[in-house]
Amino acid sequence: MSDTQSPVPVPWFADNGVNLASPKLGAKVIFATDEFFASKERLIKDADPIFIPDKYDDNGKWMDGWESRRRRVPGHDHCIIRLEARGTIDGVDIDTSHFTGNHPPHASIEGCLSETDPDDSTEWTEIVPKTALDANSHNFVEVASNEHFNHLRLHIYPDGGVARLRVYGQPQCAWQRHDPNGVHELSAITNGGRIIGYNDAHYGSPWVILTPGRGTDMGDGWETRRRREPGNDWIVVALGAKGLVERIEVDTAHFKGNYPDRCSIEAVVLEDGDETQLLEDGVDWQPLMGEQKLEMDRIHTFEGDKVNGIGPVTHLRLSIYPDGGVSRLRAFGKLDQA
């Protein structure tokens, strides 16, 4: 089952894209028509799928993914994923790694936006038509839709196993459901926060610095290579909404011999135009927080006179000196009422 996998070019939407179906963001597989050979929960695990040649359980060969039994009746299998981070979807990866003679020949995906879990009356929108799948391979499919979704239904035809489903997109927040006068985590992915770009991200996945909870290990964060030349490293974040930042948290969880010595944060207002211009020189960044000393494996909280009152902002640039790793970045504040 575990033949060598041929490399597949990574499309634009998956290159450092946010996986909305990540358990880090609260995603959960809530239903499957069948999971006889492999549990539905494995379908969205953050870790890459593995193959253990000699591992078996009571139902047969243990596989790292979701696998239904061989159908002996008409029809096909499906499962439903709830996305805690609702958003628009740019593309998916239906990953059949290690599934060779037992992968589904075809798959399709539908989405819906519902405040409750779907039922028989739910109206679904097709976002990935019935598509042929390759065995033991990343099957990338671009999605052409501007709709917001918080539930997905993956159909496999007629049965078989899928190692992982990755759903790359742009998180969106329904701010109308929030207290307009409250203090919110403006930078959180679940509130629409996004990574715009960075100068280096040699290790880890940059987008996870905006996810809930603390990092699970040193790989769960943004880390740059060792800097051998003058300067410092940086990353640019779009807030989920324009707001007045009052408190900042920089967490160096699990980064011990490789945490940054210091950090600072600048901010800007950009409500129209190409966000990639924020990665270039000449941006009129305003100092939100001056350089602050950091320690290893610790949550650092900055507020009061350490955060400058520069008014509402839309984007932040976290600078680390000179390099290193950050597990989480959180910016708390009030929504702009103007």
Protein backbone atom coordinates (compact mmCIF):
# COMPACT_ATOMS: atom_id res chain seq x y z
CA MET A 1 0.00 0.00 0.00
CA SER A 2 2.90 2.37 0.66
CA ASP A 3 4.51 2.74 -2.78
CA THR A 4 6.86 5.68 -3.30
CA GLN A 5 4.86 8.83 -3.91
CA SER A 6 5.67 10.91 -6.99
CA PRO A 7 6.20 14.62 -6.26
CA VAL A 8 3.29 16.90 -7.19
CA PRO A 9 3.80 20.64 -7.79
CA VAL A 10 2.31 22.71 -4.96
CA PRO A 11 -0.24 25.22 -6.35
CA TRP A 12 -0.47 28.85 -5.27
CA PHE A 13 -3.35 28.31 -2.85
CA ALA A 14 -1.49 25.66 -0.85
CA ASP A 15 1.84 27.48 -0.67
CA ASN A 16 1.77 28.67 2.95
CA GLY A 17 -2.03 28.79 2.74
CA VAL A 18 -4.30 28.58 5.80
CA ASN A 19 -5.85 25.15 6.25
CA LEU A 20 -9.37 25.94 7.42
CA ALA A 21 -9.94 22.24 8.13
CA SER A 22 -7.17 22.13 10.74
CA PRO A 23 -8.03 20.90 14.25
CA LYS A 24 -5.86 23.81 15.45
CA LEU A 25 -8.71 26.04 14.28
CA GLY A 26 -11.38 23.84 15.85
CA ALA A 27 -12.34 21.86 12.73
CA LYS A 28 -13.97 18.50 13.37
CA VAL A 29 -15.27 15.60 11.29
CA ILE A 30 -18.81 15.24 12.64
CA PHE A 31 -20.23 12.45 10.46
CA ALA A 32 -19.21 9.61 8.16
CA THR A 33 -21.38 7.04 6.44
CA ASP A 34 -18.77 4.41 7.26
CA GLU A 35 -15.36 4.29 8.98
CA PHE A 36 -14.83 0.55 9.28
CA PHE A 37 -11.13 0.45 8.43
CA ALA A 38 -9.92 3.88 9.57
CA SER A 39 -11.42 6.58 11.78
CA LYS A 40 -12.93 9.71 10.26
CA GLU A 41 -11.03 11.88 12.79
CA ARG A 42 -7.73 11.02 11.10
CA LEU A 43 -8.87 12.68 7.88
CA ILE A 44 -7.99 16.19 9.11
CA LYS A 45 -5.04 15.52 11.44
CA ASP A 46 -2.41 18.26 11.17
CA ALA A 47 0.50 15.82 10.98
CA ASP A 48 1.43 14.36 7.61
CA PRO A 49 0.11 10.82 7.11
CA ILE A 50 2.42 7.94 7.94
CA PHE A 51 2.59 4.26 6.97
CA ILE A 52 3.46 1.52 9.48
CA PRO A 53 3.99 -1.73 7.52
CA ASP A 54 3.34 -4.21 10.33
CA LYS A 55 0.50 -2.40 12.15
CA TYR A 56 -2.91 -4.09 12.11
CA ASP A 57 -6.04 -3.78 14.26
CA ASP A 58 -9.14 -5.93 14.72
CA ASN A 59 -10.60 -4.83 11.37
CA GLY A 60 -7.48 -5.21 9.25
CA LYS A 61 -4.56 -3.07 8.11
CA TRP A 62 -4.17 0.13 10.14
CA MET A 63 -4.16 3.17 7.86
CA ASP A 64 -3.53 6.79 8.73
CA GLY A 65 -6.64 8.42 7.28
CA TRP A 66 -10.35 7.81 6.81
CA GLU A 67 -11.23 4.50 5.12
CA SER A 68 -14.63 2.90 4.55
CA ARG A 69 -15.29 -0.79 3.90
CA ARG A 70 -15.80 -2.17 0.39
CA ARG A 71 -19.36 -1.39 -0.68
CA ARG A 72 -21.47 -4.33 -1.80
CA VAL A 73 -24.59 -2.21 -2.41
CA PRO A 74 -25.28 0.77 -4.70
CA GLY A 75 -24.31 4.24 -3.55
CA HIS A 76 -21.17 5.89 -2.18
CA ASP A 77 -19.67 7.11 1.08
CA HIS A 78 -19.31 10.63 2.42
CA CYS A 79 -18.29 12.54 5.52
CA ILE A 80 -19.04 16.02 6.90
CA ILE A 81 -16.50 18.45 8.33
CA ARG A 82 -17.41 21.40 10.54
CA LEU A 83 -15.11 24.41 10.09
CA GLU A 84 -14.83 26.58 13.18
CA ALA A 85 -13.02 29.15 11.03
CA ARG A 86 -15.57 29.95 8.34
CA GLY A 87 -14.29 31.50 5.15
CA THR A 88 -13.87 31.47 1.41
CA ILE A 89 -12.08 28.48 -0.11
CA ASP A 90 -9.33 28.82 -2.70
CA GLY A 91 -8.51 25.15 -3.16
CA VAL A 92 -8.27 21.72 -1.57
CA ASP A 93 -5.89 18.81 -1.36
CA ILE A 94 -7.54 15.38 -1.32
CA ASP A 95 -4.45 13.48 -0.20
CA THR A 96 -4.42 9.71 -0.81
CA SER A 97 -0.90 9.14 0.56
CA HIS A 98 -0.25 5.42 1.23
CA PHE A 99 -3.62 4.43 -0.23
CA THR A 100 -2.89 2.54 -3.46
CA GLY A 101 -5.30 -0.30 -4.25
CA ASN A 102 -7.80 1.07 -1.76
CA HIS A 103 -8.17 4.76 -2.71
CA PRO A 104 -11.44 6.15 -4.14
CA PRO A 105 -11.32 6.57 -7.94
CA HIS A 106 -13.29 9.83 -7.69
CA ALA A 107 -14.34 12.46 -5.14
CA SER A 108 -16.41 15.66 -4.95
CA ILE A 109 -16.97 18.33 -2.28
CA GLU A 110 -19.96 20.46 -1.32
CA GLY A 111 -20.17 23.34 1.15
CA CYS A 112 -22.81 25.15 3.19
CA LEU A 113 -23.06 28.00 5.68
CA SER A 114 -25.20 27.01 8.63
CA GLU A 115 -25.39 28.07 12.29
CA THR A 116 -26.34 24.48 13.15
CA ASP A 117 -24.94 21.18 11.94
CA PRO A 118 -26.39 20.10 8.57
CA ASP A 119 -29.44 17.86 8.32
CA ASP A 120 -31.59 16.43 5.54
CA SER A 121 -33.02 19.88 4.76
CA THR A 122 -29.63 21.56 4.30
CA GLU A 123 -28.93 23.08 0.88
CA TRP A 124 -25.42 22.28 -0.30
CA THR A 125 -23.34 24.07 -2.94
CA GLU A 126 -20.94 22.05 -5.07
CA ILE A 127 -17.43 23.53 -4.94
CA VAL A 128 -15.43 20.58 -6.32
CA PRO A 129 -17.19 18.56 -9.04
CA LYS A 130 -16.69 14.82 -9.30
CA THR A 131 -12.95 14.57 -9.91
CA ALA A 132 -10.64 11.65 -10.65
CA LEU A 133 -8.14 10.89 -7.88
CA ASP A 134 -4.65 9.47 -8.21
CA ALA A 135 -3.52 6.82 -5.75
CA ASN A 136 -0.85 7.63 -3.14
CA SER A 137 -0.80 11.26 -4.21
CA HIS A 138 -1.69 14.85 -3.39
CA ASN A 139 -4.77 15.68 -5.47
CA PHE A 140 -4.93 19.49 -5.60
CA VAL A 141 -8.11 21.12 -6.92
CA GLU A 142 -8.61 24.87 -7.25
CA VAL A 143 -12.00 26.22 -6.12
CA ALA A 144 -13.73 29.07 -7.95
CA SER A 145 -16.18 30.43 -5.39
CA ASN A 146 -16.54 33.61 -3.34
CA GLU A 147 -19.13 32.15 -0.97
CA HIS A 148 -18.47 31.66 2.74
CA PHE A 149 -18.68 28.13 4.14
CA ASN A 150 -18.47 26.58 7.59
CA HIS A 151 -19.37 22.98 6.71
CA LEU A 152 -18.05 20.72 3.95
CA ARG A 153 -19.26 17.38 2.66
CA LEU A 154 -16.63 15.14 1.05
CA HIS A 155 -18.04 12.44 -1.25
CA ILE A 156 -15.92 9.48 -2.30
CA TYR A 157 -17.01 7.20 -5.14
CA PRO A 158 -17.82 4.51 -4.32
CA ASP A 159 -15.68 3.81 -1.21
CA GLY A 160 -12.07 3.62 -0.05
CA GLY A 161 -9.52 5.64 1.86
CA VAL A 162 -8.34 9.25 1.97
CA ALA A 163 -5.33 10.09 4.12
CA ARG A 164 -5.93 13.83 4.60
CA LEU A 165 -8.22 16.60 3.45
CA ARG A 166 -6.66 20.08 3.46
CA VAL A 167 -8.93 23.07 2.79
CA TYR A 168 -7.00 26.21 1.88
CA GLY A 169 -8.81 29.52 2.08
CA GLN A 170 -9.32 32.93 3.61
CA PRO A 171 -10.94 33.03 7.06
CA GLN A 172 -13.78 35.49 7.58
CA CYS A 173 -15.38 36.69 10.81
CA ALA A 174 -19.05 37.44 11.33
CA TRP A 175 -18.34 40.54 13.40
CA GLN A 176 -22.04 41.39 13.65
CA ARG A 177 -22.30 38.56 16.17
CA HIS A 178 -19.69 40.18 18.44
CA ASP A 179 -20.06 42.90 21.06
CA PRO A 180 -19.11 46.09 19.18
CA ASN A 181 -17.79 47.64 22.40
CA GLY A 182 -15.89 44.58 23.62
CA VAL A 183 -12.20 43.72 23.49
CA HIS A 184 -11.49 41.10 20.82
CA GLU A 185 -8.50 39.13 19.57
CA LEU A 186 -8.27 41.10 16.34
CA SER A 187 -5.40 39.01 14.97
CA ALA A 188 -6.95 35.54 15.45
CA ILE A 189 -7.52 33.43 12.35
CA THR A 190 -10.97 32.55 13.67
CA ASN A 191 -11.68 36.30 13.63
CA GLY A 192 -10.37 36.77 10.11
CA GLY A 193 -6.69 37.45 10.85
CA ARG A 194 -4.24 36.50 8.09
CA ILE A 195 -0.54 36.34 7.33
CA ILE A 196 0.31 38.62 4.40
CA GLY A 197 4.00 37.75 4.09
CA TYR A 198 7.41 37.59 5.74
CA ASN A 199 11.07 37.83 4.89
CA ASP A 200 11.88 34.27 5.96
CA ALA A 201 10.05 31.19 7.20
CA HIS A 202 12.59 28.40 6.97
CA TYR A 203 10.92 26.30 9.67
CA GLY A 204 7.29 25.75 10.64
CA SER A 205 4.10 27.19 9.14
CA PRO A 206 3.75 30.97 9.64
CA TRP A 207 -0.06 31.00 9.78
CA VAL A 208 -0.14 28.93 12.98
CA ILE A 209 1.06 31.92 15.04
CA LEU A 210 -2.52 33.23 14.77
CA THR A 211 -4.23 30.01 15.92
CA PRO A 212 -5.84 29.32 19.33
CA GLY A 213 -3.97 27.77 22.25
CA ARG A 214 -0.27 27.40 22.87
CA GLY A 215 2.08 25.59 20.51
CA THR A 216 2.43 21.84 20.99
CA ASP A 217 6.13 21.72 20.14
CA MET A 218 8.90 23.71 18.46
CA GLY A 219 7.49 22.91 15.02
CA ASP A 220 4.21 24.59 15.89
CA GLY A 221 5.12 28.19 15.12
CA TRP A 222 7.06 30.55 12.84
CA GLU A 223 10.84 30.18 12.86
CA THR A 224 13.49 31.76 10.67
CA ARG A 225 16.91 30.41 9.78
CA ARG A 226 20.00 31.54 11.69
CA ARG A 227 20.83 35.04 10.45
CA ARG A 228 24.48 35.38 9.34
CA GLU A 229 24.23 38.96 8.10
CA PRO A 230 23.14 42.30 9.60
CA GLY A 231 19.44 43.05 10.00
CA ASN A 232 16.43 41.30 11.46
CA ASP A 233 13.45 39.16 10.45
CA TRP A 234 9.77 40.15 10.22
CA ILE A 235 6.24 38.99 9.43
CA VAL A 236 3.17 41.02 8.36
CA VAL A 237 -0.32 40.28 9.73
CA ALA A 238 -3.72 41.54 8.53
CA LEU A 239 -6.16 42.03 11.39
CA GLY A 240 -9.63 40.54 11.04
CA ALA A 241 -11.09 44.04 11.40
CA LYS A 242 -9.85 47.59 11.77
CA GLY A 243 -9.34 48.26 15.45
CA LEU A 244 -7.48 49.96 18.29
CA VAL A 245 -4.87 47.56 19.66
CA GLU A 246 -4.58 47.70 23.46
CA ARG A 247 -2.74 44.51 24.40
CA ILE A 248 -0.20 42.28 22.66
CA GLU A 249 0.96 38.76 23.50
CA VAL A 250 4.11 37.19 22.07
CA ASP A 251 4.49 33.54 23.03
CA THR A 252 7.84 31.74 22.63
CA ALA A 253 6.49 28.35 23.79
CA HIS A 254 9.05 25.55 23.23
CA PHE A 255 11.57 27.95 21.70
CA LYS A 256 14.53 27.83 24.09
CA GLY A 257 17.91 28.00 22.39
CA ASN A 258 16.36 29.69 19.37
CA TYR A 259 13.89 32.34 20.60
CA PRO A 260 14.38 35.94 19.41
CA ASP A 261 16.33 38.21 21.73
CA ARG A 262 13.88 41.10 21.24
CA CYS A 263 10.79 42.08 19.26
CA SER A 264 8.89 45.19 18.19
CA ILE A 265 5.59 45.85 16.42
CA GLU A 266 4.61 48.50 13.89
CA ALA A 267 1.16 49.18 12.44
CA VAL A 268 -0.50 50.82 9.45
CA VAL A 269 -3.93 51.50 7.97
CA LEU A 270 -4.59 49.94 4.56
CA GLU A 271 -8.25 49.50 3.66
CA ASP A 272 -7.89 49.52 -0.12
CA GLY A 273 -5.17 48.44 -2.49
CA ASP A 274 -2.80 45.51 -2.87
CA GLU A 275 -1.71 44.16 0.52
CA THR A 276 1.55 42.84 -0.95
CA GLN A 277 2.80 46.44 -1.05
CA LEU A 278 3.21 46.08 2.72
CA LEU A 279 6.09 43.69 2.03
CA GLU A 280 8.06 46.36 0.18
CA ASP A 281 10.14 49.32 1.29
CA GLY A 282 8.57 52.74 1.68
CA VAL A 283 5.55 51.77 3.81
CA ASP A 284 4.71 54.40 6.44
CA TRP A 285 4.74 52.02 9.41
CA GLN A 286 3.89 53.60 12.77
CA PRO A 287 5.52 52.34 16.00
CA LEU A 288 2.88 50.45 18.00
CA MET A 289 5.32 48.82 20.40
CA GLY A 290 9.02 49.58 20.80
CA GLU A 291 11.68 46.90 21.16
CA GLN A 292 10.94 44.56 24.06
CA LYS A 293 13.18 41.90 25.58
CA LEU A 294 11.99 38.31 25.16
CA GLU A 295 12.63 35.14 27.15
CA MET A 296 12.52 31.50 26.19
CA ASP A 297 9.37 29.36 26.41
CA ARG A 298 7.15 32.10 27.83
CA ILE A 299 4.00 34.15 27.16
CA HIS A 300 4.99 37.83 27.09
CA THR A 301 2.15 40.32 27.66
CA PHE A 302 2.57 43.96 26.68
CA GLU A 303 -0.02 46.61 27.52
CA GLY A 304 -0.43 50.01 29.15
CA ASP A 305 2.36 52.42 28.31
CA LYS A 306 4.20 49.74 26.31
CA VAL A 307 1.54 49.93 23.58
CA ASN A 308 1.36 53.29 21.83
CA GLY A 309 -2.06 54.85 21.25
CA ILE A 310 -1.76 55.47 17.52
CA GLY A 311 -5.44 55.01 16.68
CA PRO A 312 -7.20 52.38 14.56
CA VAL A 313 -5.02 50.12 12.40
CA THR A 314 -5.54 47.27 9.93
CA HIS A 315 -2.12 45.58 9.66
CA LEU A 316 0.80 44.77 11.96
CA ARG A 317 4.45 44.01 11.31
CA LEU A 318 6.16 41.93 13.98
CA SER A 319 9.95 42.33 13.86
CA ILE A 320 12.22 39.91 15.72
CA TYR A 321 15.86 40.63 16.54
CA PRO A 322 17.87 39.20 15.03
CA ASP A 323 16.08 35.91 14.19
CA GLY A 324 14.46 32.88 15.83
CA GLY A 325 11.07 31.37 16.55
CA VAL A 326 7.70 32.64 17.78
CA SER A 327 4.88 30.26 18.67
CA ARG A 328 1.93 32.68 18.85
CA LEU A 329 1.15 36.36 18.28
CA ARG A 330 -2.06 37.88 19.64
CA ALA A 331 -3.31 41.47 19.29
CA PHE A 332 -6.31 42.43 21.43
CA GLY A 333 -8.36 45.57 21.05
CA LYS A 334 -11.66 47.24 20.25
CA LEU A 335 -13.34 47.50 16.88
CA ASP A 336 -13.13 50.85 15.13
CA GLN A 337 -16.53 52.50 15.45
CA ALA A 338 -15.90 55.25 12.89
